[in-house]
């Protein structure tokens, strides 16, 4: 049912290798907080939650970002990649953002004083790294980051 809602990005069901064989973890991904809230508060979801409540216990947790930012009960945590690997990925991502920014917007920033120029660049860099570059690169390099 969630697939019909705007902003739905996917869902994952995890089945732990150890512990209770009847336990399942459902991870829902949405485009942003507004689309998640629309799904969360929808009459369709409320009805499903009430129905599930008749035969299952539920545990709710919310997380944003990389999968190492949360852990599941009774499941071994995903070990974060070594800092040197994350540093290399971040440097490469920042290099790409810097290169594209300089090629596309660099001449627009020239008239600004250095402190304003730096501040505008940092806004672009951090925003693109957080929402576009690092999520993509962590998926692309998953095998290397999480061997």
C-alpha atoms as a PDB file:
ATOM      1  CA  UNK A   1       0.000   0.000   0.000  1.00  0.00           C
ATOM      2  CA  UNK A   2       2.893   2.380   0.761  1.00  0.00           C
ATOM      3  CA  UNK A   3       4.094   2.062  -2.836  1.00  0.00           C
ATOM      4  CA  UNK A   4       1.093   4.129  -3.937  1.00  0.00           C
ATOM      5  CA  UNK A   5       2.116   7.113  -1.789  1.00  0.00           C
ATOM      6  CA  UNK A   6       4.127  10.001  -3.263  1.00  0.00           C
ATOM      7  CA  UNK A   7       7.744   9.990  -2.159  1.00  0.00           C
ATOM      8  CA  UNK A   8       7.935   6.232  -1.514  1.00  0.00           C
ATOM      9  CA  UNK A   9      11.540   5.137  -2.178  1.00  0.00           C
ATOM     10  CA  UNK A  10      11.355   1.496  -1.161  1.00  0.00           C
ATOM     11  CA  UNK A  11      11.043  -0.944   1.686  1.00  0.00           C
ATOM     12  CA  UNK A  12      13.288  -3.641   3.066  1.00  0.00           C
ATOM     13  CA  UNK A  13      12.328  -6.582   5.253  1.00  0.00           C
ATOM     14  CA  UNK A  14      15.125  -8.020   7.372  1.00  0.00           C
ATOM     15  CA  UNK A  15      15.003 -11.541   8.776  1.00  0.00           C
ATOM     16  CA  UNK A  16      17.565 -12.001  11.545  1.00  0.00           C
ATOM     17  CA  UNK A  17      19.823 -15.044  11.324  1.00  0.00           C
ATOM     18  CA  UNK A  18      19.650 -15.596  15.058  1.00  0.00           C
ATOM     19  CA  UNK A  19      17.011 -15.281  17.730  1.00  0.00           C
ATOM     20  CA  UNK A  20      13.269 -15.601  17.157  1.00  0.00           C
ATOM     21  CA  UNK A  21      12.481 -16.969  13.657  1.00  0.00           C
ATOM     22  CA  UNK A  22       9.140 -15.126  13.728  1.00  0.00           C
ATOM     23  CA  UNK A  23      10.748 -11.683  14.006  1.00  0.00           C
ATOM     24  CA  UNK A  24      10.803  -9.412  10.972  1.00  0.00           C
ATOM     25  CA  UNK A  25      12.108  -5.861  10.639  1.00  0.00           C
ATOM     26  CA  UNK A  26      10.514  -3.610   8.043  1.00  0.00           C
ATOM     27  CA  UNK A  27      12.425  -0.535   6.956  1.00  0.00           C
ATOM     28  CA  UNK A  28      10.461   2.048   4.988  1.00  0.00           C
ATOM     29  CA  UNK A  29      12.213   4.739   2.965  1.00  0.00           C
ATOM     30  CA  UNK A  30      10.567   7.950   1.786  1.00  0.00           C
ATOM     31  CA  UNK A  31      11.819  10.935  -0.153  1.00  0.00           C
ATOM     32  CA  UNK A  32      11.575  13.385   2.738  1.00  0.00           C
ATOM     33  CA  UNK A  33       9.941  14.015   6.090  1.00  0.00           C
ATOM     34  CA  UNK A  34       6.751  15.414   4.525  1.00  0.00           C
ATOM     35  CA  UNK A  35       6.083  12.318   2.396  1.00  0.00           C
ATOM     36  CA  UNK A  36       6.921  10.041   5.343  1.00  0.00           C
ATOM     37  CA  UNK A  37       4.484  11.970   7.535  1.00  0.00           C
ATOM     38  CA  UNK A  38       1.793  11.735   4.843  1.00  0.00           C
ATOM     39  CA  UNK A  39       2.175   7.937   4.808  1.00  0.00           C
ATOM     40  CA  UNK A  40       2.492   7.687   8.588  1.00  0.00           C
ATOM     41  CA  UNK A  41      -0.729   9.673   9.165  1.00  0.00           C
ATOM     42  CA  UNK A  42      -2.739   8.159   6.310  1.00  0.00           C
ATOM     43  CA  UNK A  43      -5.999   6.348   7.077  1.00  0.00           C
ATOM     44  CA  UNK A  44      -4.707   3.355   5.100  1.00  0.00           C
ATOM     45  CA  UNK A  45      -1.651   2.938   7.319  1.00  0.00           C
ATOM     46  CA  UNK A  46      -3.625   3.509  10.521  1.00  0.00           C
ATOM     47  CA  UNK A  47      -6.004   0.724   9.473  1.00  0.00           C
ATOM     48  CA  UNK A  48      -3.094  -1.636   8.703  1.00  0.00           C
ATOM     49  CA  UNK A  49      -1.425  -0.889  12.048  1.00  0.00           C
ATOM     50  CA  UNK A  50      -4.670  -1.627  13.904  1.00  0.00           C
ATOM     51  CA  UNK A  51      -5.028  -4.919  12.019  1.00  0.00           C
ATOM     52  CA  UNK A  52      -1.430  -5.970  12.689  1.00  0.00           C
ATOM     53  CA  UNK A  53      -1.873  -5.078  16.359  1.00  0.00           C
ATOM     54  CA  UNK A  54      -4.347  -7.966  16.660  1.00  0.00           C
ATOM     55  CA  UNK A  55      -1.651 -10.603  16.146  1.00  0.00           C
ATOM     56  CA  UNK A  56       1.817  -9.031  16.470  1.00  0.00           C
ATOM     57  CA  UNK A  57       3.848  -6.833  18.770  1.00  0.00           C
ATOM     58  CA  UNK A  58       5.390  -3.832  17.138  1.00  0.00           C
ATOM     59  CA  UNK A  59       8.523  -1.835  17.770  1.00  0.00           C
ATOM     60  CA  UNK A  60       8.962   1.518  16.036  1.00  0.00           C
ATOM     61  CA  UNK A  61      12.216   3.370  15.511  1.00  0.00           C
ATOM     62  CA  UNK A  62      13.101   6.132  13.107  1.00  0.00           C
ATOM     63  CA  UNK A  63      16.478   6.775  11.501  1.00  0.00           C
ATOM     64  CA  UNK A  64      17.835   8.996   8.787  1.00  0.00           C
ATOM     65  CA  UNK A  65      21.035   8.433   6.860  1.00  0.00           C
ATOM     66  CA  UNK A  66      23.469   5.574   6.682  1.00  0.00           C
ATOM     67  CA  UNK A  67      22.530   2.163   8.013  1.00  0.00           C
ATOM     68  CA  UNK A  68      25.254   2.329  10.668  1.00  0.00           C
ATOM     69  CA  UNK A  69      23.296   5.037  12.477  1.00  0.00           C
ATOM     70  CA  UNK A  70      20.908   2.523  13.988  1.00  0.00           C
ATOM     71  CA  UNK A  71      20.884  -1.075  15.122  1.00  0.00           C
ATOM     72  CA  UNK A  72      18.141  -3.621  15.428  1.00  0.00           C
ATOM     73  CA  UNK A  73      17.313  -5.412  18.679  1.00  0.00           C
ATOM     74  CA  UNK A  74      18.786  -8.947  18.934  1.00  0.00           C
ATOM     75  CA  UNK A  75      20.781  -8.416  15.722  1.00  0.00           C
ATOM     76  CA  UNK A  76      24.496  -7.759  15.557  1.00  0.00           C
ATOM     77  CA  UNK A  77      25.204  -4.183  14.589  1.00  0.00           C
ATOM     78  CA  UNK A  78      26.684  -3.364  11.229  1.00  0.00           C
ATOM     79  CA  UNK A  79      30.276  -2.384  11.830  1.00  0.00           C
ATOM     80  CA  UNK A  80      31.084   1.056  10.490  1.00  0.00           C
ATOM     81  CA  UNK A  81      33.792   1.190   7.839  1.00  0.00           C
ATOM     82  CA  UNK A  82      37.276   2.253   8.949  1.00  0.00           C
ATOM     83  CA  UNK A  83      37.650   6.015   9.217  1.00  0.00           C
ATOM     84  CA  UNK A  84      40.351   6.053   6.549  1.00  0.00           C
ATOM     85  CA  UNK A  85      37.936   4.523   4.034  1.00  0.00           C
ATOM     86  CA  UNK A  86      35.227   7.036   4.900  1.00  0.00           C
ATOM     87  CA  UNK A  87      37.821   9.826   4.653  1.00  0.00           C
ATOM     88  CA  UNK A  88      38.818   8.681   1.151  1.00  0.00           C
ATOM     89  CA  UNK A  89      35.196   8.467   0.010  1.00  0.00           C
ATOM     90  CA  UNK A  90      34.452  11.901   1.499  1.00  0.00           C
ATOM     91  CA  UNK A  91      37.550  13.469  -0.085  1.00  0.00           C
ATOM     92  CA  UNK A  92      36.618  12.030  -3.475  1.00  0.00           C
ATOM     93  CA  UNK A  93      33.000  13.183  -3.104  1.00  0.00           C
ATOM     94  CA  UNK A  94      34.070  16.669  -1.988  1.00  0.00           C
ATOM     95  CA  UNK A  95      36.512  16.836  -4.898  1.00  0.00           C
ATOM     96  CA  UNK A  96      33.739  16.009  -7.373  1.00  0.00           C
ATOM     97  CA  UNK A  97      31.366  18.581  -5.842  1.00  0.00           C
ATOM     98  CA  UNK A  98      34.138  21.203  -5.811  1.00  0.00           C
ATOM     99  CA  UNK A  99      35.056  20.512  -9.431  1.00  0.00           C
ATOM    100  CA  UNK A 100      31.447  20.702 -10.622  1.00  0.00           C
ATOM    101  CA  UNK A 101      30.786  23.818  -8.531  1.00  0.00           C
ATOM    102  CA  UNK A 102      33.847  25.582  -9.932  1.00  0.00           C
ATOM    103  CA  UNK A 103      32.942  24.659 -13.509  1.00  0.00           C
ATOM    104  CA  UNK A 104      29.289  25.675 -13.228  1.00  0.00           C
ATOM    105  CA  UNK A 105      29.007  28.430 -10.605  1.00  0.00           C
ATOM    106  CA  UNK A 106      32.575  29.527  -9.886  1.00  0.00           C
ATOM    107  CA  UNK A 107      32.443  32.723 -11.921  1.00  0.00           C
ATOM    108  CA  UNK A 108      29.228  33.808 -10.154  1.00  0.00           C
ATOM    109  CA  UNK A 109      30.998  33.786  -6.796  1.00  0.00           C
ATOM    110  CA  UNK A 110      33.983  35.900  -7.919  1.00  0.00           C
ATOM    111  CA  UNK A 111      32.438  39.301  -7.046  1.00  0.00           C
ATOM    112  CA  UNK A 112      31.747  38.227  -3.452  1.00  0.00           C
ATOM    113  CA  UNK A 113      34.262  38.788  -0.646  1.00  0.00           C
ATOM    114  CA  UNK A 114      36.206  35.695   0.402  1.00  0.00           C
ATOM    115  CA  UNK A 115      34.152  35.041   3.556  1.00  0.00           C
ATOM    116  CA  UNK A 116      30.836  35.156   1.619  1.00  0.00           C
ATOM    117  CA  UNK A 117      32.274  33.090  -1.215  1.00  0.00           C
ATOM    118  CA  UNK A 118      33.473  30.450   1.273  1.00  0.00           C
ATOM    119  CA  UNK A 119      30.145  30.426   3.112  1.00  0.00           C
ATOM    120  CA  UNK A 120      28.141  29.937  -0.116  1.00  0.00           C
ATOM    121  CA  UNK A 121      30.483  27.179  -1.241  1.00  0.00           C
ATOM    122  CA  UNK A 122      30.212  25.357   2.106  1.00  0.00           C
ATOM    123  CA  UNK A 123      26.404  25.451   1.872  1.00  0.00           C
ATOM    124  CA  UNK A 124      26.561  23.877  -1.589  1.00  0.00           C
ATOM    125  CA  UNK A 125      29.236  21.346  -0.579  1.00  0.00           C
ATOM    126  CA  UNK A 126      27.561  20.104   2.603  1.00  0.00           C
ATOM    127  CA  UNK A 127      24.081  19.978   1.054  1.00  0.00           C
ATOM    128  CA  UNK A 128      25.185  18.016  -2.004  1.00  0.00           C
ATOM    129  CA  UNK A 129      27.403  15.680   0.021  1.00  0.00           C
ATOM    130  CA  UNK A 130      24.650  14.960   2.548  1.00  0.00           C
ATOM    131  CA  UNK A 131      21.698  14.441   0.228  1.00  0.00           C
ATOM    132  CA  UNK A 132      23.195  13.272  -3.057  1.00  0.00           C
ATOM    133  CA  UNK A 133      26.863  12.382  -3.232  1.00  0.00           C
ATOM    134  CA  UNK A 134      27.534  10.380  -0.055  1.00  0.00           C
ATOM    135  CA  UNK A 135      24.363   8.234  -0.205  1.00  0.00           C
ATOM    136  CA  UNK A 136      25.141   7.397  -3.839  1.00  0.00           C
ATOM    137  CA  UNK A 137      28.822   6.730  -3.176  1.00  0.00           C
ATOM    138  CA  UNK A 138      28.119   4.592  -0.100  1.00  0.00           C
ATOM    139  CA  UNK A 139      25.817   2.412  -2.242  1.00  0.00           C
ATOM    140  CA  UNK A 140      28.294   2.338  -5.130  1.00  0.00           C
ATOM    141  CA  UNK A 141      31.236   1.430  -2.871  1.00  0.00           C
ATOM    142  CA  UNK A 142      29.284  -0.789  -0.455  1.00  0.00           C
ATOM    143  CA  UNK A 143      31.386  -3.878  -1.199  1.00  0.00           C
ATOM    144  CA  UNK A 144      34.596  -2.015  -0.401  1.00  0.00           C
ATOM    145  CA  UNK A 145      33.248  -0.120   2.609  1.00  0.00           C
ATOM    146  CA  UNK A 146      31.524  -3.173   4.126  1.00  0.00           C
ATOM    147  CA  UNK A 147      33.560  -6.213   2.973  1.00  0.00           C
END
